[in-house]
Amino acid sequence: MAALGAALLAAACATRTPAPVDERRPAPTAQPKPPVLQATPTPSAAPPAATAPSRYIVKRGDTLYSIALEHGADYRELAQMNKLDDPSKLRVGQELRVTPPEDRAAPRVGAARLPRQIESRPLGSSSQASAPPGSAPPRSTPPESTPSAAEGDLKTTPKALRLPYSEQNLAALSREDVRAETRPEVKLEAKLEAKPEAVKPAPAAERDPEAIEFAWPVRGKVMASFSEPNNKGLDIAGKPGDPVLAAASGRVMYTGSGIRGYGKLIVIKHDNNFNSVYAHNREILVKEGQNVTRGQRIAELGDTDTDAPKLHFEIRKAGKPVDPAKYLPPS
C-alpha cells in the first residue's frame, strides 16, 4: 500500500501544470541609434574673375606691329616678352603673350600716410586766435542798441491806436484802408509771383572722365566719320605736304609701313592708356622713342596705301578704337 501511494503521488507531480508567471518588469526601451556623422564637403574656391585675355593666337595676315596696335602695346615689348629675335617672322597659330606677367604688372602697395589733424579755430580777433584749442571762445557782448529814426520803418506790424468815435476819424480810417489795398508794392509782388519759371538748359553730354586734351591733327574736311568696324577713325582731306601735327603730347611708339592698309604710319602713346594713329603720310618727321608735344609737326600729309591725299586719324583707348569726334574740340 505504501508503494502504491508513492507511485500515485509521483504520477500526480509529473502531470501538474506550472502556474503562469506574469513578468512585471518594464520592457527594455529601444536605444536611439547614434547619428551617423557625414563629412561636410569643403566648398571649392570661387573661380577667379574673368580678366582680359593675356594670350593671342596669330592669324593669317597678322604682323607683330598690327597685334601691338590692336592691344595698345609696344611691339618691342611684345618681342621681348615672347623672346622673338626677328619680329617679322610669325607663324599662323603661334601663341603670343600680349600683356606683361603679373609680377611686372602688379602695382606696388605702400603704407599710406595719414594727414595731420587739422586744428579748427574760430575766426575773430587775435585774442580768440591765440586761445588754446578746446576752450570755448569768449562771448562778445552785443553793442547797445541805440534808437534811430529808421527803426520805426523796420517794423511790419501795425500799431493799435485808440481814437474817439467821430465821423471825421471814421472817414480817415476808411481812406487808409483804400490806400493799403491799392499800394503799388502789392501789385508788383503779384506780378512777380505770376512770372513763369525760366527754362533750364539741357545737360551737356557726359565726357570720359579719363579723357585727355586732344587737338585736331590737320585742318580739313572730314571725308568719313567713325563707323566701326568699317572705319576705325576719321578720314580728313588735305593737300600733299600739309603739316600733320601731334594731337597730344606723348612718346612715338611706332613709325613705318608694317601694317597693311595704313601706309606710312605713326603711333603715339599718351597718358591714361590712350594712343593716337596717323596713317597715309607722305613723309615721317619723327623717330621711334621720341617724345613729342601737342601741336608739334610730326609728318607730311600724303596718299600712301590709299587712293587720295588724306589723313586717317584714330584715337584708341587700351587698344580699342573710340570715336575721335568725342575727344576733339569743336571744329
C-alpha atoms as a PDB file:
ATOM      1  CA  MET A   1       0.000   0.000   0.000  1.00  0.00           C
ATOM      2  CA  ALA A   2       2.836   2.336   0.773  1.00  0.00           C
ATOM      3  CA  ALA A   3       4.420   1.620  -2.529  1.00  0.00           C
ATOM      4  CA  LEU A   4       1.137   2.237  -4.379  1.00  0.00           C
ATOM      5  CA  GLY A   5       0.656   5.589  -2.673  1.00  0.00           C
ATOM      6  CA  ALA A   6       4.160   6.682  -3.517  1.00  0.00           C
ATOM      7  CA  ALA A   7       3.602   5.788  -7.173  1.00  0.00           C
ATOM      8  CA  LEU A   8       0.335   7.741  -7.331  1.00  0.00           C
ATOM      9  CA  LEU A   9       1.992  10.733  -5.706  1.00  0.00           C
ATOM     10  CA  ALA A  10       4.819  10.653  -8.218  1.00  0.00           C
ATOM     11  CA  ALA A  11       2.392  10.499 -11.145  1.00  0.00           C
ATOM     12  CA  ALA A  12       0.403  13.481  -9.817  1.00  0.00           C
ATOM     13  CA  CYS A  13       3.549  15.565  -9.501  1.00  0.00           C
ATOM     14  CA  ALA A  14       4.580  14.706 -13.036  1.00  0.00           C
ATOM     15  CA  THR A  15       1.266  15.844 -14.586  1.00  0.00           C
ATOM     16  CA  ARG A  16       0.919  19.081 -12.575  1.00  0.00           C
ATOM     17  CA  THR A  17       0.847  22.190 -14.876  1.00  0.00           C
ATOM     18  CA  PRO A  18       3.035  25.070 -13.683  1.00  0.00           C
ATOM     19  CA  ALA A  19       1.249  28.294 -12.820  1.00  0.00           C
ATOM     20  CA  PRO A  20       1.625  31.105 -15.354  1.00  0.00           C
ATOM     21  CA  VAL A  21       4.160  33.711 -14.419  1.00  0.00           C
ATOM     22  CA  ASP A  22       3.379  37.347 -15.328  1.00  0.00           C
ATOM     23  CA  GLU A  23       6.509  39.361 -15.986  1.00  0.00           C
ATOM     24  CA  ARG A  24       6.110  42.725 -14.242  1.00  0.00           C
ATOM     25  CA  ARG A  25       9.449  44.251 -15.215  1.00  0.00           C
ATOM     26  CA  PRO A  26       9.230  47.082 -17.786  1.00  0.00           C
ATOM     27  CA  ALA A  27      10.161  46.129 -21.295  1.00  0.00           C
ATOM     28  CA  PRO A  28      13.516  47.464 -22.334  1.00  0.00           C
ATOM     29  CA  THR A  29      13.199  50.559 -24.490  1.00  0.00           C
ATOM     30  CA  ALA A  30      14.989  50.696 -27.792  1.00  0.00           C
ATOM     31  CA  GLN A  31      18.102  52.805 -27.516  1.00  0.00           C
ATOM     32  CA  PRO A  32      18.286  55.501 -30.221  1.00  0.00           C
ATOM     33  CA  LYS A  33      20.990  54.872 -32.713  1.00  0.00           C
ATOM     34  CA  PRO A  34      23.764  57.478 -32.684  1.00  0.00           C
ATOM     35  CA  PRO A  35      23.577  59.815 -35.677  1.00  0.00           C
ATOM     36  CA  VAL A  36      25.860  58.982 -38.497  1.00  0.00           C
ATOM     37  CA  LEU A  37      28.262  61.855 -38.985  1.00  0.00           C
ATOM     38  CA  GLN A  38      28.940  62.613 -42.608  1.00  0.00           C
ATOM     39  CA  ALA A  39      31.882  64.688 -43.652  1.00  0.00           C
ATOM     40  CA  THR A  40      30.711  68.015 -44.996  1.00  0.00           C
ATOM     41  CA  PRO A  41      32.340  68.656 -48.350  1.00  0.00           C
ATOM     42  CA  THR A  42      34.662  71.596 -48.295  1.00  0.00           C
ATOM     43  CA  PRO A  43      33.355  74.315 -50.645  1.00  0.00           C
ATOM     44  CA  SER A  44      35.619  74.733 -53.577  1.00  0.00           C
ATOM     45  CA  ALA A  45      37.285  78.037 -54.112  1.00  0.00           C
ATOM     46  CA  ALA A  46      35.330  80.513 -56.218  1.00  0.00           C
ATOM     47  CA  PRO A  47      36.558  80.730 -59.800  1.00  0.00           C
ATOM     48  CA  PRO A  48      38.714  83.758 -60.500  1.00  0.00           C
ATOM     49  CA  ALA A  49      37.069  86.764 -62.083  1.00  0.00           C
ATOM     50  CA  ALA A  50      37.258  86.997 -65.835  1.00  0.00           C
ATOM     51  CA  THR A  51      40.224  89.040 -66.950  1.00  0.00           C
ATOM     52  CA  ALA A  52      41.351  90.425 -70.233  1.00  0.00           C
ATOM     53  CA  PRO A  53      42.974  87.770 -72.431  1.00  0.00           C
ATOM     54  CA  SER A  54      46.733  87.717 -71.970  1.00  0.00           C
ATOM     55  CA  ARG A  55      47.380  85.442 -74.969  1.00  0.00           C
ATOM     56  CA  TYR A  56      46.775  85.885 -78.677  1.00  0.00           C
ATOM     57  CA  ILE A  57      46.801  83.303 -81.473  1.00  0.00           C
ATOM     58  CA  VAL A  58      48.459  84.563 -84.648  1.00  0.00           C
ATOM     59  CA  LYS A  59      46.145  84.577 -87.679  1.00  0.00           C
ATOM     60  CA  ARG A  60      46.919  84.832 -91.367  1.00  0.00           C
ATOM     61  CA  GLY A  61      47.911  88.394 -92.319  1.00  0.00           C
ATOM     62  CA  ASP A  62      48.926  89.380 -88.770  1.00  0.00           C
ATOM     63  CA  THR A  63      52.165  91.152 -88.058  1.00  0.00           C
ATOM     64  CA  LEU A  64      53.729  91.936 -84.740  1.00  0.00           C
ATOM     65  CA  TYR A  65      53.020  95.624 -85.418  1.00  0.00           C
ATOM     66  CA  SER A  66      49.297  95.063 -86.080  1.00  0.00           C
ATOM     67  CA  ILE A  67      48.973  92.843 -82.991  1.00  0.00           C
ATOM     68  CA  ALA A  68      50.646  95.519 -80.885  1.00  0.00           C
ATOM     69  CA  LEU A  69      48.328  98.198 -82.309  1.00  0.00           C
ATOM     70  CA  GLU A  70      45.194  96.159 -81.570  1.00  0.00           C
ATOM     71  CA  HIS A  71      46.262  95.619 -77.945  1.00  0.00           C
ATOM     72  CA  GLY A  72      47.669  99.101 -77.281  1.00  0.00           C
ATOM     73  CA  ALA A  73      51.169  97.724 -76.681  1.00  0.00           C
ATOM     74  CA  ASP A  74      54.669  98.477 -77.941  1.00  0.00           C
ATOM     75  CA  TYR A  75      55.838  95.930 -80.486  1.00  0.00           C
ATOM     76  CA  ARG A  76      59.312  95.949 -78.902  1.00  0.00           C
ATOM     77  CA  GLU A  77      57.810  94.894 -75.564  1.00  0.00           C
ATOM     78  CA  LEU A  78      55.847  92.114 -77.266  1.00  0.00           C
ATOM     79  CA  ALA A  79      59.016  90.866 -78.964  1.00  0.00           C
ATOM     80  CA  GLN A  80      60.876  90.901 -75.639  1.00  0.00           C
ATOM     81  CA  MET A  81      58.093  89.121 -73.726  1.00  0.00           C
ATOM     82  CA  ASN A  82      57.842  86.390 -76.376  1.00  0.00           C
ATOM     83  CA  LYS A  83      61.622  86.177 -76.987  1.00  0.00           C
ATOM     84  CA  LEU A  84      61.323  86.932 -80.700  1.00  0.00           C
ATOM     85  CA  ASP A  85      64.638  87.618 -82.375  1.00  0.00           C
ATOM     86  CA  ASP A  86      63.008  88.621 -85.667  1.00  0.00           C
ATOM     87  CA  PRO A  87      59.614  90.386 -85.229  1.00  0.00           C
ATOM     88  CA  SER A  88      58.788  89.800 -88.907  1.00  0.00           C
ATOM     89  CA  LYS A  89      58.806  86.012 -88.532  1.00  0.00           C
ATOM     90  CA  LEU A  90      55.464  84.872 -87.108  1.00  0.00           C
ATOM     91  CA  ARG A  91      53.723  81.552 -87.667  1.00  0.00           C
ATOM     92  CA  VAL A  92      49.991  81.096 -88.116  1.00  0.00           C
ATOM     93  CA  GLY A  93      48.671  79.511 -84.916  1.00  0.00           C
ATOM     94  CA  GLN A  94      51.572  80.767 -82.838  1.00  0.00           C
ATOM     95  CA  GLU A  95      50.597  81.802 -79.317  1.00  0.00           C
ATOM     96  CA  LEU A  96      51.867  85.178 -78.126  1.00  0.00           C
ATOM     97  CA  ARG A  97      51.707  86.868 -74.762  1.00  0.00           C
ATOM     98  CA  VAL A  98      50.204  90.352 -75.186  1.00  0.00           C
ATOM     99  CA  THR A  99      50.174  91.513 -71.546  1.00  0.00           C
ATOM    100  CA  PRO A 100      53.159  91.629 -69.184  1.00  0.00           C
ATOM    101  CA  PRO A 101      53.483  88.972 -66.453  1.00  0.00           C
ATOM    102  CA  GLU A 102      51.669  89.535 -63.185  1.00  0.00           C
ATOM    103  CA  ASP A 103      54.867  90.173 -61.253  1.00  0.00           C
ATOM    104  CA  ARG A 104      55.643  93.057 -63.603  1.00  0.00           C
ATOM    105  CA  ALA A 105      52.100  94.370 -63.902  1.00  0.00           C
ATOM    106  CA  ALA A 106      51.240  94.230 -60.187  1.00  0.00           C
ATOM    107  CA  PRO A 107      51.279  97.720 -58.656  1.00  0.00           C
ATOM    108  CA  ARG A 108      53.366  98.445 -55.617  1.00  0.00           C
ATOM    109  CA  VAL A 109      51.447  98.823 -52.410  1.00  0.00           C
ATOM    110  CA  GLY A 110      52.910 101.000 -49.683  1.00  0.00           C
ATOM    111  CA  ALA A 111      51.800 102.283 -46.336  1.00  0.00           C
ATOM    112  CA  ALA A 112      49.517 105.243 -46.636  1.00  0.00           C
ATOM    113  CA  ARG A 113      50.483 108.400 -44.826  1.00  0.00           C
ATOM    114  CA  LEU A 114      47.699 109.816 -42.740  1.00  0.00           C
ATOM    115  CA  PRO A 115      47.291 113.579 -42.937  1.00  0.00           C
ATOM    116  CA  ARG A 116      47.951 115.616 -39.834  1.00  0.00           C
ATOM    117  CA  GLN A 117      44.953 116.514 -37.787  1.00  0.00           C
ATOM    118  CA  ILE A 118      43.707 119.951 -38.695  1.00  0.00           C
ATOM    119  CA  GLU A 119      43.089 122.240 -35.778  1.00  0.00           C
ATOM    120  CA  SER A 120      39.992 124.368 -36.214  1.00  0.00           C
ATOM    121  CA  ARG A 121      39.857 127.799 -34.655  1.00  0.00           C
ATOM    122  CA  PRO A 122      37.077 130.375 -34.813  1.00  0.00           C
ATOM    123  CA  LEU A 123      37.633 133.441 -36.906  1.00  0.00           C
ATOM    124  CA  GLY A 124      37.874 136.634 -34.964  1.00  0.00           C
ATOM    125  CA  SER A 125      40.302 138.848 -33.093  1.00  0.00           C
ATOM    126  CA  SER A 126      43.886 137.925 -32.245  1.00  0.00           C
ATOM    127  CA  SER A 127      42.884 137.060 -28.683  1.00  0.00           C
ATOM    128  CA  GLN A 128      40.461 134.439 -29.999  1.00  0.00           C
ATOM    129  CA  ALA A 129      43.069 133.001 -32.385  1.00  0.00           C
ATOM    130  CA  SER A 130      45.594 132.628 -29.554  1.00  0.00           C
ATOM    131  CA  ALA A 131      43.150 130.795 -27.306  1.00  0.00           C
ATOM    132  CA  PRO A 132      44.134 127.152 -26.601  1.00  0.00           C
ATOM    133  CA  PRO A 133      42.255 124.521 -28.596  1.00  0.00           C
ATOM    134  CA  GLY A 134      39.253 123.028 -26.890  1.00  0.00           C
ATOM    135  CA  SER A 135      38.411 126.136 -24.870  1.00  0.00           C
ATOM    136  CA  ALA A 136      35.188 127.928 -25.618  1.00  0.00           C
ATOM    137  CA  PRO A 137      35.640 131.252 -27.370  1.00  0.00           C
ATOM    138  CA  PRO A 138      34.817 134.292 -25.225  1.00  0.00           C
ATOM    139  CA  ARG A 139      31.377 135.664 -25.719  1.00  0.00           C
ATOM    140  CA  SER A 140      31.248 139.047 -27.249  1.00  0.00           C
ATOM    141  CA  THR A 141      28.737 141.410 -25.701  1.00  0.00           C
ATOM    142  CA  PRO A 142      26.377 142.804 -28.280  1.00  0.00           C
ATOM    143  CA  PRO A 143      26.584 146.527 -28.790  1.00  0.00           C
ATOM    144  CA  GLU A 144      23.981 148.547 -27.083  1.00  0.00           C
ATOM    145  CA  SER A 145      21.123 149.282 -29.390  1.00  0.00           C
ATOM    146  CA  THR A 146      20.565 152.924 -29.978  1.00  0.00           C
ATOM    147  CA  PRO A 147      17.263 154.238 -31.149  1.00  0.00           C
ATOM    148  CA  SER A 148      17.238 155.602 -34.652  1.00  0.00           C
ATOM    149  CA  ALA A 149      14.771 157.346 -36.809  1.00  0.00           C
ATOM    150  CA  ALA A 150      14.618 154.431 -39.238  1.00  0.00           C
ATOM    151  CA  GLU A 151      13.770 151.917 -36.508  1.00  0.00           C
ATOM    152  CA  GLY A 152      10.114 152.547 -36.985  1.00  0.00           C
ATOM    153  CA  ASP A 153      10.416 151.784 -40.701  1.00  0.00           C
ATOM    154  CA  LEU A 154      11.684 148.234 -39.926  1.00  0.00           C
ATOM    155  CA  LYS A 155       8.563 147.298 -38.018  1.00  0.00           C
ATOM    156  CA  THR A 156       5.980 145.483 -40.054  1.00  0.00           C
ATOM    157  CA  THR A 157       3.190 145.075 -37.519  1.00  0.00           C
ATOM    158  CA  PRO A 158       0.621 147.879 -37.397  1.00  0.00           C
ATOM    159  CA  LYS A 159       0.243 149.976 -34.294  1.00  0.00           C
ATOM    160  CA  ALA A 160      -3.061 149.963 -32.433  1.00  0.00           C
ATOM    161  CA  LEU A 161      -4.376 153.456 -31.990  1.00  0.00           C
ATOM    162  CA  ARG A 162      -7.370 154.422 -29.918  1.00  0.00           C
ATOM    163  CA  LEU A 163      -9.331 157.293 -31.389  1.00  0.00           C
ATOM    164  CA  PRO A 164     -12.570 158.759 -30.147  1.00  0.00           C
ATOM    165  CA  TYR A 165     -15.539 157.943 -32.298  1.00  0.00           C
ATOM    166  CA  SER A 166     -16.375 160.629 -34.779  1.00  0.00           C
ATOM    167  CA  GLU A 167     -17.347 160.846 -38.429  1.00  0.00           C
ATOM    168  CA  GLN A 168     -14.024 162.526 -39.290  1.00  0.00           C
ATOM    169  CA  ASN A 169     -11.938 159.698 -37.695  1.00  0.00           C
ATOM    170  CA  LEU A 170     -14.080 157.039 -39.385  1.00  0.00           C
ATOM    171  CA  ALA A 171     -13.605 158.694 -42.790  1.00  0.00           C
ATOM    172  CA  ALA A 172      -9.827 158.938 -42.223  1.00  0.00           C
ATOM    173  CA  LEU A 173      -9.566 155.234 -41.329  1.00  0.00           C
ATOM    174  CA  SER A 174     -11.577 154.316 -44.412  1.00  0.00           C
ATOM    175  CA  ARG A 175      -9.192 156.292 -46.623  1.00  0.00           C
ATOM    176  CA  GLU A 176      -6.169 154.448 -45.094  1.00  0.00           C
ATOM    177  CA  ASP A 177      -7.792 151.073 -45.874  1.00  0.00           C
ATOM    178  CA  VAL A 178      -8.322 152.068 -49.506  1.00  0.00           C
ATOM    179  CA  ARG A 179      -4.681 153.200 -49.804  1.00  0.00           C
ATOM    180  CA  ALA A 180      -3.434 149.899 -48.377  1.00  0.00           C
ATOM    181  CA  GLU A 181      -5.472 147.906 -50.877  1.00  0.00           C
ATOM    182  CA  THR A 182      -4.153 149.922 -53.855  1.00  0.00           C
ATOM    183  CA  ARG A 183      -0.472 150.016 -52.925  1.00  0.00           C
ATOM    184  CA  PRO A 184       1.816 149.516 -55.966  1.00  0.00           C
ATOM    185  CA  GLU A 185       4.068 147.165 -53.951  1.00  0.00           C
ATOM    186  CA  VAL A 186       1.245 144.652 -53.590  1.00  0.00           C
ATOM    187  CA  LYS A 187       0.563 144.675 -57.327  1.00  0.00           C
ATOM    188  CA  LEU A 188       4.290 144.244 -58.062  1.00  0.00           C
ATOM    189  CA  GLU A 189       4.512 141.204 -55.792  1.00  0.00           C
ATOM    190  CA  ALA A 190       1.521 139.675 -57.525  1.00  0.00           C
ATOM    191  CA  LYS A 191       3.166 140.166 -60.911  1.00  0.00           C
ATOM    192  CA  LEU A 192       6.406 138.590 -59.697  1.00  0.00           C
ATOM    193  CA  GLU A 193       4.578 135.548 -58.359  1.00  0.00           C
ATOM    194  CA  ALA A 194       2.818 135.059 -61.673  1.00  0.00           C
ATOM    195  CA  LYS A 195       6.094 135.200 -63.646  1.00  0.00           C
ATOM    196  CA  PRO A 196       6.743 131.872 -65.379  1.00  0.00           C
ATOM    197  CA  GLU A 197       9.780 129.809 -64.312  1.00  0.00           C
ATOM    198  CA  ALA A 198      12.831 130.131 -66.527  1.00  0.00           C
ATOM    199  CA  VAL A 199      13.576 127.128 -68.744  1.00  0.00           C
ATOM    200  CA  LYS A 200      16.693 125.249 -67.621  1.00  0.00           C
ATOM    201  CA  PRO A 201      19.227 124.406 -70.334  1.00  0.00           C
ATOM    202  CA  ALA A 202      19.615 120.764 -71.326  1.00  0.00           C
ATOM    203  CA  PRO A 203      22.518 118.981 -69.594  1.00  0.00           C
ATOM    204  CA  ALA A 204      25.665 118.535 -71.663  1.00  0.00           C
ATOM    205  CA  ALA A 205      26.709 115.111 -72.902  1.00  0.00           C
ATOM    206  CA  GLU A 206      28.762 113.072 -70.468  1.00  0.00           C
ATOM    207  CA  ARG A 207      32.511 113.198 -71.080  1.00  0.00           C
ATOM    208  CA  ASP A 208      35.002 110.431 -70.491  1.00  0.00           C
ATOM    209  CA  PRO A 209      36.490 111.181 -67.046  1.00  0.00           C
ATOM    210  CA  GLU A 210      39.868 109.790 -68.192  1.00  0.00           C
ATOM    211  CA  ALA A 211      39.950 111.818 -71.408  1.00  0.00           C
ATOM    212  CA  ILE A 212      42.976 113.959 -72.154  1.00  0.00           C
ATOM    213  CA  GLU A 213      43.116 117.136 -74.220  1.00  0.00           C
ATOM    214  CA  PHE A 214      43.371 116.307 -77.930  1.00  0.00           C
ATOM    215  CA  ALA A 215      43.754 118.772 -80.812  1.00  0.00           C
ATOM    216  CA  TRP A 216      42.947 118.369 -84.497  1.00  0.00           C
ATOM    217  CA  PRO A 217      45.994 116.942 -86.295  1.00  0.00           C
ATOM    218  CA  VAL A 218      45.132 118.700 -89.589  1.00  0.00           C
ATOM    219  CA  ARG A 219      42.626 121.271 -90.773  1.00  0.00           C
ATOM    220  CA  GLY A 220      40.367 119.924 -93.478  1.00  0.00           C
ATOM    221  CA  LYS A 221      37.017 118.468 -94.397  1.00  0.00           C
ATOM    222  CA  VAL A 222      36.041 115.196 -92.740  1.00  0.00           C
ATOM    223  CA  MET A 223      35.550 112.744 -95.593  1.00  0.00           C
ATOM    224  CA  ALA A 224      34.493 109.730 -93.487  1.00  0.00           C
ATOM    225  CA  SER A 225      33.370 109.561 -89.865  1.00  0.00           C
ATOM    226  CA  PHE A 226      33.953 106.884 -87.246  1.00  0.00           C
ATOM    227  CA  SER A 227      31.976 103.737 -88.016  1.00  0.00           C
ATOM    228  CA  GLU A 228      33.431 100.574 -86.535  1.00  0.00           C
ATOM    229  CA  PRO A 229      34.284  98.057 -87.926  1.00  0.00           C
ATOM    230  CA  ASN A 230      34.259  99.728 -91.355  1.00  0.00           C
ATOM    231  CA  ASN A 231      36.152 102.863 -90.309  1.00  0.00           C
ATOM    232  CA  LYS A 232      38.040 102.952 -87.011  1.00  0.00           C
ATOM    233  CA  GLY A 233      38.717 106.692 -87.117  1.00  0.00           C
ATOM    234  CA  LEU A 234      38.299 109.859 -89.168  1.00  0.00           C
ATOM    235  CA  ASP A 235      39.412 110.455 -92.759  1.00  0.00           C
ATOM    236  CA  ILE A 236      40.382 114.120 -93.156  1.00  0.00           C
ATOM    237  CA  ALA A 237      41.016 115.570 -96.611  1.00  0.00           C
ATOM    238  CA  GLY A 238      44.067 117.662 -97.372  1.00  0.00           C
ATOM    239  CA  LYS A 239      46.776 118.523 -99.844  1.00  0.00           C
ATOM    240  CA  PRO A 240      50.005 116.539-100.220  1.00  0.00           C
ATOM    241  CA  GLY A 241      52.636 118.037 -97.964  1.00  0.00           C
ATOM    242  CA  ASP A 242      50.202 119.636 -95.477  1.00  0.00           C
ATOM    243  CA  PRO A 243      51.642 119.527 -91.951  1.00  0.00           C
ATOM    244  CA  VAL A 244      50.405 116.728 -89.690  1.00  0.00           C
ATOM    245  CA  LEU A 245      50.536 117.727 -86.008  1.00  0.00           C
ATOM    246  CA  ALA A 246      50.614 115.622 -82.850  1.00  0.00           C
ATOM    247  CA  ALA A 247      47.131 115.629 -81.323  1.00  0.00           C
ATOM    248  CA  ALA A 248      48.543 115.400 -77.782  1.00  0.00           C
ATOM    249  CA  SER A 249      51.871 115.107 -76.010  1.00  0.00           C
ATOM    250  CA  GLY A 250      53.377 111.658 -75.744  1.00  0.00           C
ATOM    251  CA  ARG A 251      56.037 109.223 -76.963  1.00  0.00           C
ATOM    252  CA  VAL A 252      56.347 107.894 -80.512  1.00  0.00           C
ATOM    253  CA  MET A 253      55.684 104.164 -80.215  1.00  0.00           C
ATOM    254  CA  TYR A 254      55.859 103.160 -83.884  1.00  0.00           C
ATOM    255  CA  THR A 255      56.836 104.563 -87.278  1.00  0.00           C
ATOM    256  CA  GLY A 256      56.813 102.607 -90.520  1.00  0.00           C
ATOM    257  CA  SER A 257      54.626 100.793 -93.030  1.00  0.00           C
ATOM    258  CA  GLY A 258      54.340  97.356 -91.429  1.00  0.00           C
ATOM    259  CA  ILE A 259      50.537  97.419 -91.068  1.00  0.00           C
ATOM    260  CA  ARG A 260      48.583  96.734 -94.219  1.00  0.00           C
ATOM    261  CA  GLY A 261      46.156  99.461 -95.288  1.00  0.00           C
ATOM    262  CA  TYR A 262      47.763 102.270 -93.243  1.00  0.00           C
ATOM    263  CA  GLY A 263      50.665 103.275 -95.481  1.00  0.00           C
ATOM    264  CA  LYS A 264      53.369 105.249 -93.731  1.00  0.00           C
ATOM    265  CA  LEU A 265      52.110 105.212 -90.156  1.00  0.00           C
ATOM    266  CA  ILE A 266      52.850 106.920 -86.840  1.00  0.00           C
ATOM    267  CA  VAL A 267      51.536 105.703 -83.465  1.00  0.00           C
ATOM    268  CA  ILE A 268      51.942 107.905 -80.382  1.00  0.00           C
ATOM    269  CA  LYS A 269      51.369 106.729 -76.816  1.00  0.00           C
ATOM    270  CA  HIS A 270      49.722 109.197 -74.401  1.00  0.00           C
ATOM    271  CA  ASP A 271      48.644 109.289 -70.762  1.00  0.00           C
ATOM    272  CA  ASN A 272      45.689 107.280 -69.393  1.00  0.00           C
ATOM    273  CA  ASN A 273      46.355 104.414 -71.823  1.00  0.00           C
ATOM    274  CA  PHE A 274      45.443 106.452 -74.930  1.00  0.00           C
ATOM    275  CA  ASN A 275      47.114 106.074 -78.341  1.00  0.00           C
ATOM    276  CA  SER A 276      46.762 108.204 -81.470  1.00  0.00           C
ATOM    277  CA  VAL A 277      47.255 106.889 -85.006  1.00  0.00           C
ATOM    278  CA  TYR A 278      48.278 108.903 -88.117  1.00  0.00           C
ATOM    279  CA  ALA A 279      48.134 106.985 -91.427  1.00  0.00           C
ATOM    280  CA  HIS A 280      48.837 107.556 -95.180  1.00  0.00           C
ATOM    281  CA  ASN A 281      51.642 110.072 -94.554  1.00  0.00           C
ATOM    282  CA  ARG A 282      53.977 111.127 -97.347  1.00  0.00           C
ATOM    283  CA  GLU A 283      56.937 111.733 -95.047  1.00  0.00           C
ATOM    284  CA  ILE A 284      57.536 110.881 -91.378  1.00  0.00           C
ATOM    285  CA  LEU A 285      59.461 113.524 -89.425  1.00  0.00           C
ATOM    286  CA  VAL A 286      59.869 111.786 -86.044  1.00  0.00           C
ATOM    287  CA  LYS A 287      61.584 108.637 -84.782  1.00  0.00           C
ATOM    288  CA  GLU A 288      60.508 105.802 -82.502  1.00  0.00           C
ATOM    289  CA  GLY A 289      61.062 106.569 -78.822  1.00  0.00           C
ATOM    290  CA  GLN A 290      60.989 110.327 -79.409  1.00  0.00           C
ATOM    291  CA  ASN A 291      58.908 112.499 -77.091  1.00  0.00           C
ATOM    292  CA  VAL A 292      56.615 114.954 -78.853  1.00  0.00           C
ATOM    293  CA  THR A 293      54.439 117.808 -77.651  1.00  0.00           C
ATOM    294  CA  ARG A 294      50.915 118.733 -78.592  1.00  0.00           C
ATOM    295  CA  GLY A 295      50.844 120.635 -81.880  1.00  0.00           C
ATOM    296  CA  GLN A 296      54.339 119.537 -82.936  1.00  0.00           C
ATOM    297  CA  ARG A 297      54.791 118.757 -86.629  1.00  0.00           C
ATOM    298  CA  ILE A 298      55.356 115.011 -86.973  1.00  0.00           C
ATOM    299  CA  ALA A 299      54.649 114.224 -90.661  1.00  0.00           C
ATOM    300  CA  GLU A 300      53.521 115.453 -94.061  1.00  0.00           C
ATOM    301  CA  LEU A 301      50.092 114.502 -95.342  1.00  0.00           C
ATOM    302  CA  GLY A 302      50.140 112.033 -98.241  1.00  0.00           C
ATOM    303  CA  ASP A 303      48.352 109.226-100.067  1.00  0.00           C
ATOM    304  CA  THR A 304      50.439 106.132 -99.284  1.00  0.00           C
ATOM    305  CA  ASP A 305      48.341 102.941 -99.470  1.00  0.00           C
ATOM    306  CA  THR A 306      45.179 104.916-100.320  1.00  0.00           C
ATOM    307  CA  ASP A 307      43.501 106.421-103.377  1.00  0.00           C
ATOM    308  CA  ALA A 308      43.518 110.140-102.412  1.00  0.00           C
ATOM    309  CA  PRO A 309      45.548 112.529-100.244  1.00  0.00           C
ATOM    310  CA  LYS A 310      44.132 112.368 -96.739  1.00  0.00           C
ATOM    311  CA  LEU A 311      44.975 111.686 -93.131  1.00  0.00           C
ATOM    312  CA  HIS A 312      43.408 108.699 -91.436  1.00  0.00           C
ATOM    313  CA  PHE A 313      43.346 109.620 -87.736  1.00  0.00           C
ATOM    314  CA  GLU A 314      42.429 107.283 -84.878  1.00  0.00           C
ATOM    315  CA  ILE A 315      42.215 107.546 -81.103  1.00  0.00           C
ATOM    316  CA  ARG A 316      42.478 104.264 -79.232  1.00  0.00           C
ATOM    317  CA  LYS A 317      41.916 103.545 -75.552  1.00  0.00           C
ATOM    318  CA  ALA A 318      43.584 100.360 -74.284  1.00  0.00           C
ATOM    319  CA  GLY A 319      43.926  99.321 -77.916  1.00  0.00           C
ATOM    320  CA  LYS A 320      40.216  99.689 -78.686  1.00  0.00           C
ATOM    321  CA  PRO A 321      39.232 102.344 -81.265  1.00  0.00           C
ATOM    322  CA  VAL A 322      36.961 105.118 -79.970  1.00  0.00           C
ATOM    323  CA  ASP A 323      35.184 107.913 -81.807  1.00  0.00           C
ATOM    324  CA  PRO A 324      37.690 110.790 -82.151  1.00  0.00           C
ATOM    325  CA  ALA A 325      34.843 113.298 -82.509  1.00  0.00           C
ATOM    326  CA  LYS A 326      34.039 112.759 -78.800  1.00  0.00           C
ATOM    327  CA  TYR A 327      37.545 113.757 -77.762  1.00  0.00           C
ATOM    328  CA  LEU A 328      38.388 116.522 -80.223  1.00  0.00           C
ATOM    329  CA  PRO A 329      37.282 120.148 -79.725  1.00  0.00           C
ATOM    330  CA  PRO A 330      34.531 121.531 -81.990  1.00  0.00           C
ATOM    331  CA  SER A 331      35.913 122.247 -85.438  1.00  0.00           C
END
